[in-house]
């Protein structure tokens, strides 16, 4: 009896062990879906994948980043529906209210990690409060309208004698336009609205500043202003227009000054929300954070090219904030 029992146990072990081994070799895949305007290889997305890897999610092993690129915001709705059909586990919604709205319509209650850059998710009713969202949405919120007004203050400090301030905007940055215009009037600028209607129209749009040589322009936070930053910077340099931009990457591409949040850092930070959700946390109970990092920087090469003289104090302060 004992010998037979011993043989049975060994036989059972030989059957069960390969099954257990296969289970260890094939962990459950986390399927994250995202629709964006940048190319998939953009550094901001790479930073997200880097943080996911640090948190134990290796793309292709136990994690899939299902990304669909859209040329403009009009494609959000259909592309998020496509992601829903692919059965993603967690949706990412970044930037505009239209992205979050499209993700919500497609997700049907599945969790959404958002980067609310162009809107207030509480004021718009997507969450009950920052401390307790009470819905399927959580993530990080940037108070963009305050930053828009702050960029006008920086323009006034950098150009104390300027009388005109160009304010660039597109369909999704109209609230930033309004906040910038209000701040401009308070600081003695004549706000000049410059609407960007297509990526081919930058040079023509900036022509609105031709009769105000040397006067600065504000560039808002928005997907096309980030994506087309090199083209925009070149168009501004050709017209010798100094600019204050939202993204540090705009400054690196040739804009004169940048002041805003750390977009690379936001994509790094949102990965922690995805990880917590994957481990069972409920978005309704996860507090929404506010962006903790802001940077100001000056492109001295652009300043020299434009013949702009900025005070040493201003440049030093910009570098200090950037660090």
Protein backbone atom coordinates (compact mmCIF):
# COMPACT_ATOMS: atom_id res chain seq x y z
CA UNK A 1 0.00 0.00 0.00
CA UNK A 2 2.64 2.44 0.97
CA UNK A 3 4.67 1.70 -2.14
CA UNK A 4 1.64 2.26 -4.38
CA UNK A 5 0.81 5.51 -2.63
CA UNK A 6 4.39 6.68 -3.09
CA UNK A 7 4.32 5.94 -6.80
CA UNK A 8 0.99 7.75 -7.19
CA UNK A 9 2.35 10.89 -5.54
CA UNK A 10 5.42 10.94 -7.74
CA UNK A 11 3.25 10.42 -10.82
CA UNK A 12 0.97 13.26 -9.75
CA UNK A 13 3.93 15.53 -9.28
CA UNK A 14 5.19 14.80 -12.78
CA UNK A 15 1.79 15.85 -14.19
CA UNK A 16 1.21 18.95 -12.04
CA UNK A 17 4.70 20.44 -12.26
CA UNK A 18 4.67 21.32 -15.98
CA UNK A 19 1.27 23.03 -15.56
CA UNK A 20 2.62 25.14 -12.70
CA UNK A 21 5.77 25.91 -14.68
CA UNK A 22 3.74 27.08 -17.65
CA UNK A 23 1.64 29.32 -15.40
CA UNK A 24 4.82 30.95 -14.09
CA UNK A 25 6.21 31.42 -17.59
CA UNK A 26 2.99 32.97 -18.91
CA UNK A 27 1.83 35.65 -16.44
CA UNK A 28 -1.41 37.51 -17.09
CA UNK A 29 -0.89 40.29 -19.59
CA UNK A 30 -1.83 43.81 -18.58
CA UNK A 31 -3.41 45.46 -21.63
CA UNK A 32 -3.21 49.29 -21.59
CA UNK A 33 -4.86 51.28 -24.39
CA UNK A 34 -4.10 54.86 -25.40
CA UNK A 35 -4.94 57.23 -28.27
CA UNK A 36 -2.54 60.12 -28.87
CA UNK A 37 -1.34 62.59 -31.46
CA UNK A 38 2.42 62.06 -31.14
CA UNK A 39 4.25 59.22 -32.84
CA UNK A 40 4.52 56.05 -30.77
CA UNK A 41 8.29 56.51 -30.37
CA UNK A 42 7.88 59.98 -28.81
CA UNK A 43 10.06 60.43 -25.69
CA UNK A 44 7.04 61.10 -23.47
CA UNK A 45 5.61 57.66 -24.26
CA UNK A 46 9.04 56.08 -23.86
CA UNK A 47 9.20 57.59 -20.39
CA UNK A 48 5.87 55.96 -19.53
CA UNK A 49 7.17 52.58 -20.71
CA UNK A 50 10.39 53.11 -18.76
CA UNK A 51 8.47 53.63 -15.53
CA UNK A 52 6.20 50.67 -16.23
CA UNK A 53 9.31 48.51 -16.60
CA UNK A 54 10.65 49.81 -13.30
CA UNK A 55 7.36 48.79 -11.71
CA UNK A 56 7.71 45.24 -13.05
CA UNK A 57 5.77 45.49 -16.32
CA UNK A 58 7.90 44.52 -19.29
CA UNK A 59 6.30 45.22 -22.65
CA UNK A 60 5.77 41.96 -24.51
CA UNK A 61 6.21 39.82 -21.39
CA UNK A 62 3.44 40.80 -19.01
CA UNK A 63 2.33 44.15 -20.43
CA UNK A 64 0.95 45.41 -23.76
CA UNK A 65 0.91 49.09 -24.68
CA UNK A 66 -1.77 49.28 -27.36
CA UNK A 67 -1.28 52.68 -28.95
CA UNK A 68 -3.27 54.26 -31.78
CA UNK A 69 -2.02 57.51 -33.30
CA UNK A 70 -4.58 60.02 -34.54
CA UNK A 71 -3.74 63.10 -36.63
CA UNK A 72 -6.11 65.30 -34.64
CA UNK A 73 -8.66 65.30 -31.82
CA UNK A 74 -11.43 64.33 -34.23
CA UNK A 75 -10.11 60.77 -34.18
CA UNK A 76 -10.37 60.18 -30.44
CA UNK A 77 -13.86 58.72 -30.39
CA UNK A 78 -13.47 56.11 -33.13
CA UNK A 79 -10.01 55.07 -31.98
CA UNK A 80 -11.01 54.62 -28.35
CA UNK A 81 -13.89 52.46 -29.57
CA UNK A 82 -11.34 50.39 -31.45
CA UNK A 83 -9.31 49.97 -28.25
CA UNK A 84 -12.43 48.87 -26.37
CA UNK A 85 -13.02 46.21 -29.02
CA UNK A 86 -9.50 44.96 -28.34
CA UNK A 87 -10.46 44.36 -24.68
CA UNK A 88 -7.94 46.61 -22.98
CA UNK A 89 -7.79 46.49 -19.17
CA UNK A 90 -6.89 50.14 -18.46
CA UNK A 91 -7.40 53.19 -20.68
CA UNK A 92 -5.07 56.19 -20.75
CA UNK A 93 -6.61 59.59 -21.58
CA UNK A 94 -4.20 62.51 -21.90
CA UNK A 95 -4.50 66.22 -22.47
CA UNK A 96 -7.90 67.34 -23.65
CA UNK A 97 -11.41 66.90 -22.35
CA UNK A 98 -12.31 65.33 -25.69
CA UNK A 99 -9.83 62.51 -25.05
CA UNK A 100 -11.34 61.73 -21.65
CA UNK A 101 -14.91 61.97 -22.95
CA UNK A 102 -14.11 59.57 -25.80
CA UNK A 103 -12.40 57.14 -23.43
CA UNK A 104 -15.38 57.20 -21.05
CA UNK A 105 -17.84 56.47 -23.84
CA UNK A 106 -15.78 53.52 -25.03
CA UNK A 107 -14.60 52.12 -21.68
CA UNK A 108 -18.08 51.28 -20.34
CA UNK A 109 -16.94 51.41 -16.73
CA UNK A 110 -13.40 50.09 -17.16
CA UNK A 111 -10.74 52.12 -15.32
CA UNK A 112 -9.22 55.22 -16.87
CA UNK A 113 -5.93 56.85 -15.84
CA UNK A 114 -5.95 60.47 -17.04
CA UNK A 115 -3.58 63.38 -17.40
CA UNK A 116 -6.02 66.31 -17.33
CA UNK A 117 -3.96 69.05 -18.96
CA UNK A 118 -6.49 71.27 -20.70
CA UNK A 119 -9.49 71.11 -18.36
CA UNK A 120 -10.61 70.82 -14.74
CA UNK A 121 -12.09 67.33 -14.18
CA UNK A 122 -13.94 68.44 -11.04
CA UNK A 123 -15.50 71.56 -12.57
CA UNK A 124 -16.58 69.53 -15.61
CA UNK A 125 -18.18 66.85 -13.46
CA UNK A 126 -16.03 63.87 -14.41
CA UNK A 127 -15.04 63.27 -10.79
CA UNK A 128 -16.65 64.23 -7.48
CA UNK A 129 -13.47 65.66 -5.95
CA UNK A 130 -9.70 65.42 -6.23
CA UNK A 131 -9.42 63.55 -2.94
CA UNK A 132 -12.12 61.01 -3.75
CA UNK A 133 -13.00 60.85 -7.46
CA UNK A 134 -15.97 58.51 -6.97
CA UNK A 135 -15.88 57.30 -10.58
CA UNK A 136 -13.87 55.10 -12.92
CA UNK A 137 -11.46 57.98 -13.54
CA UNK A 138 -8.36 59.01 -11.60
CA UNK A 139 -4.92 60.40 -12.37
CA UNK A 140 -3.15 63.76 -12.46
CA UNK A 141 -4.54 67.27 -12.94
CA UNK A 142 -2.67 70.37 -14.16
CA UNK A 143 -4.16 73.79 -13.38
CA UNK A 144 -3.47 75.01 -16.89
CA UNK A 145 -5.42 78.27 -16.78
CA UNK A 146 -3.27 79.52 -13.92
CA UNK A 147 -0.17 78.63 -15.91
CA UNK A 148 -1.53 80.45 -18.96
CA UNK A 149 -1.83 83.65 -16.92
CA UNK A 150 1.62 83.11 -15.45
CA UNK A 151 3.17 82.92 -18.92
CA UNK A 152 1.76 86.39 -19.61
CA UNK A 153 3.42 87.67 -16.44
CA UNK A 154 6.72 86.21 -17.63
CA UNK A 155 6.27 87.92 -21.01
CA UNK A 156 5.73 91.24 -19.24
CA UNK A 157 8.83 90.74 -17.10
CA UNK A 158 10.96 89.77 -20.10
CA UNK A 159 9.58 92.56 -22.33
CA UNK A 160 8.71 95.48 -20.06
CA UNK A 161 8.24 97.90 -23.00
CA UNK A 162 6.08 95.61 -25.15
CA UNK A 163 2.59 96.86 -25.96
CA UNK A 164 1.19 93.94 -27.99
CA UNK A 165 1.02 90.28 -26.98
CA UNK A 166 0.18 87.61 -29.53
CA UNK A 167 -1.87 84.74 -28.11
CA UNK A 168 -1.81 81.58 -30.21
CA UNK A 169 -4.60 79.04 -29.77
CA UNK A 170 -6.48 76.24 -31.48
CA UNK A 171 -9.86 74.62 -30.95
CA UNK A 172 -8.84 72.89 -27.72
CA UNK A 173 -6.90 75.73 -26.10
CA UNK A 174 -9.60 78.39 -26.16
CA UNK A 175 -9.82 78.57 -22.37
CA UNK A 176 -6.08 79.16 -22.18
CA UNK A 177 -6.56 81.90 -24.78
CA UNK A 178 -9.19 83.59 -22.63
CA UNK A 179 -7.10 83.32 -19.44
CA UNK A 180 -4.07 84.73 -21.26
CA UNK A 181 -6.08 87.60 -22.76
CA UNK A 182 -7.50 88.59 -19.38
CA UNK A 183 -4.04 88.60 -17.81
CA UNK A 184 -2.63 90.52 -20.78
CA UNK A 185 -5.14 93.36 -20.42
CA UNK A 186 -4.41 93.64 -16.70
CA UNK A 187 -0.70 93.97 -17.44
CA UNK A 188 -1.10 96.61 -20.13
CA UNK A 189 -0.80 94.45 -23.24
CA UNK A 190 -3.05 94.66 -26.25
CA UNK A 191 -3.92 90.96 -26.75
CA UNK A 192 -3.83 89.83 -30.37
CA UNK A 193 -5.58 86.50 -31.00
CA UNK A 194 -3.82 84.14 -33.40
CA UNK A 195 -5.87 81.09 -34.29
CA UNK A 196 -4.07 78.04 -35.63
CA UNK A 197 -6.44 76.12 -37.88
CA UNK A 198 -4.11 73.55 -39.41
CA UNK A 199 -0.52 72.41 -39.27
CA UNK A 200 0.08 74.01 -42.68
CA UNK A 201 -1.05 77.40 -41.40
CA UNK A 202 1.63 78.39 -38.87
CA UNK A 203 3.55 80.84 -41.03
CA UNK A 204 0.39 82.54 -42.28
CA UNK A 205 -1.10 82.72 -38.79
CA UNK A 206 2.01 84.32 -37.31
CA UNK A 207 1.81 86.93 -40.05
CA UNK A 208 -0.70 88.64 -37.78
CA UNK A 209 2.33 89.94 -35.85
CA UNK A 210 4.06 91.47 -38.90
CA UNK A 211 2.97 95.00 -38.00
CA UNK A 212 4.18 94.55 -34.40
CA UNK A 213 7.88 93.74 -34.84
CA UNK A 214 9.68 92.45 -31.76
CA UNK A 215 6.47 91.97 -29.78
CA UNK A 216 6.16 88.59 -28.00
CA UNK A 217 3.74 85.74 -28.53
CA UNK A 218 2.36 83.11 -26.14
CA UNK A 219 2.19 79.44 -27.17
CA UNK A 220 -0.32 77.35 -25.18
CA UNK A 221 -0.17 73.78 -23.96
CA UNK A 222 -1.77 71.55 -26.56
CA UNK A 223 -0.98 68.45 -28.59
CA UNK A 224 -0.29 70.17 -31.91
CA UNK A 225 1.90 72.83 -30.28
CA UNK A 226 3.95 70.02 -28.77
CA UNK A 227 3.99 67.77 -31.84
CA UNK A 228 4.85 70.54 -34.31
CA UNK A 229 7.22 72.43 -32.03
CA UNK A 230 10.14 72.42 -34.50
CA UNK A 231 8.00 73.78 -37.36
CA UNK A 232 6.46 76.40 -35.08
CA UNK A 233 9.84 77.51 -33.73
CA UNK A 234 11.22 77.88 -37.25
CA UNK A 235 8.21 79.91 -38.37
CA UNK A 236 8.62 82.25 -35.39
CA UNK A 237 12.36 82.62 -35.89
CA UNK A 238 11.87 83.49 -39.56
CA UNK A 239 9.57 86.33 -38.50
CA UNK A 240 11.84 87.21 -35.57
CA UNK A 241 9.04 86.78 -33.04
CA UNK A 242 10.07 86.05 -29.42
CA UNK A 243 7.86 83.46 -27.77
CA UNK A 244 6.88 82.19 -24.33
CA UNK A 245 5.80 78.55 -24.63
CA UNK A 246 4.13 76.04 -22.35
CA UNK A 247 6.46 73.12 -22.93
CA UNK A 248 10.16 72.89 -22.20
CA UNK A 249 10.45 70.94 -25.44
CA UNK A 250 9.25 74.03 -27.35
CA UNK A 251 12.13 76.01 -25.85
CA UNK A 252 14.58 73.27 -26.80
CA UNK A 253 13.20 73.38 -30.37
CA UNK A 254 13.81 77.14 -30.62
CA UNK A 255 11.18 79.06 -28.64
CA UNK A 256 12.73 81.80 -26.50
CA UNK A 257 11.25 80.99 -23.08
CA UNK A 258 9.26 78.13 -21.64
CA UNK A 259 7.21 77.96 -18.48
CA UNK A 260 4.98 75.06 -17.57
CA UNK A 261 4.68 71.58 -16.21
CA UNK A 262 7.08 68.70 -16.79
CA UNK A 263 5.32 66.63 -19.47
CA UNK A 264 7.97 63.91 -19.39
CA UNK A 265 7.50 63.67 -15.63
CA UNK A 266 3.72 63.43 -15.93
CA UNK A 267 3.95 60.41 -18.24
CA UNK A 268 6.43 58.87 -15.80
CA UNK A 269 4.12 59.50 -12.84
CA UNK A 270 0.90 58.24 -14.46
CA UNK A 271 2.46 54.77 -14.74
CA UNK A 272 2.10 54.39 -10.96
CA UNK A 273 -1.66 54.86 -11.30
CA UNK A 274 -1.78 52.17 -13.96
CA UNK A 275 0.18 49.81 -11.72
CA UNK A 276 -2.11 50.39 -8.73
CA UNK A 277 -5.21 49.82 -10.86
CA UNK A 278 -3.68 46.63 -12.27
CA UNK A 279 -3.16 45.41 -8.72
CA UNK A 280 -6.80 45.93 -7.83
CA UNK A 281 -7.07 49.53 -6.63
CA UNK A 282 -10.35 51.26 -7.49
CA UNK A 283 -10.04 54.60 -9.33
CA UNK A 284 -12.98 55.91 -7.31
CA UNK A 285 -10.85 55.70 -4.15
CA UNK A 286 -7.54 56.92 -5.60
CA UNK A 287 -6.89 60.65 -5.00
CA UNK A 288 -6.13 62.76 -8.05
CA UNK A 289 -2.73 64.41 -7.78
CA UNK A 290 -1.80 67.87 -9.00
CA UNK A 291 1.38 68.25 -11.01
CA UNK A 292 4.22 68.91 -8.56
CA UNK A 293 6.91 70.05 -11.01
CA UNK A 294 7.09 73.27 -13.02
CA UNK A 295 9.98 74.60 -15.07
CA UNK A 296 11.08 77.87 -16.58
CA UNK A 297 13.97 78.01 -19.04
CA UNK A 298 15.53 80.34 -21.61
CA UNK A 299 17.05 79.44 -24.97
CA UNK A 300 20.08 81.73 -25.08
CA UNK A 301 20.86 80.77 -28.68
CA UNK A 302 17.41 81.98 -29.73
CA UNK A 303 17.87 85.16 -27.69
CA UNK A 304 21.11 85.89 -29.51
CA UNK A 305 19.53 85.12 -32.89
CA UNK A 306 16.63 87.50 -32.22
CA UNK A 307 18.86 90.16 -30.68
CA UNK A 308 16.83 89.98 -27.47
CA UNK A 309 18.58 91.15 -24.32
CA UNK A 310 17.26 89.53 -21.15
CA UNK A 311 18.47 90.60 -17.74
CA UNK A 312 21.00 88.39 -15.97
CA UNK A 313 18.62 88.14 -13.04
CA UNK A 314 15.82 86.86 -15.28
CA UNK A 315 18.04 84.25 -16.95
CA UNK A 316 19.48 83.08 -13.63
CA UNK A 317 16.03 82.72 -12.14
CA UNK A 318 14.87 80.71 -15.15
CA UNK A 319 17.78 78.32 -14.80
CA UNK A 320 17.21 77.96 -11.08
CA UNK A 321 13.56 77.08 -11.57
CA UNK A 322 14.43 74.63 -14.31
CA UNK A 323 16.80 72.72 -12.05
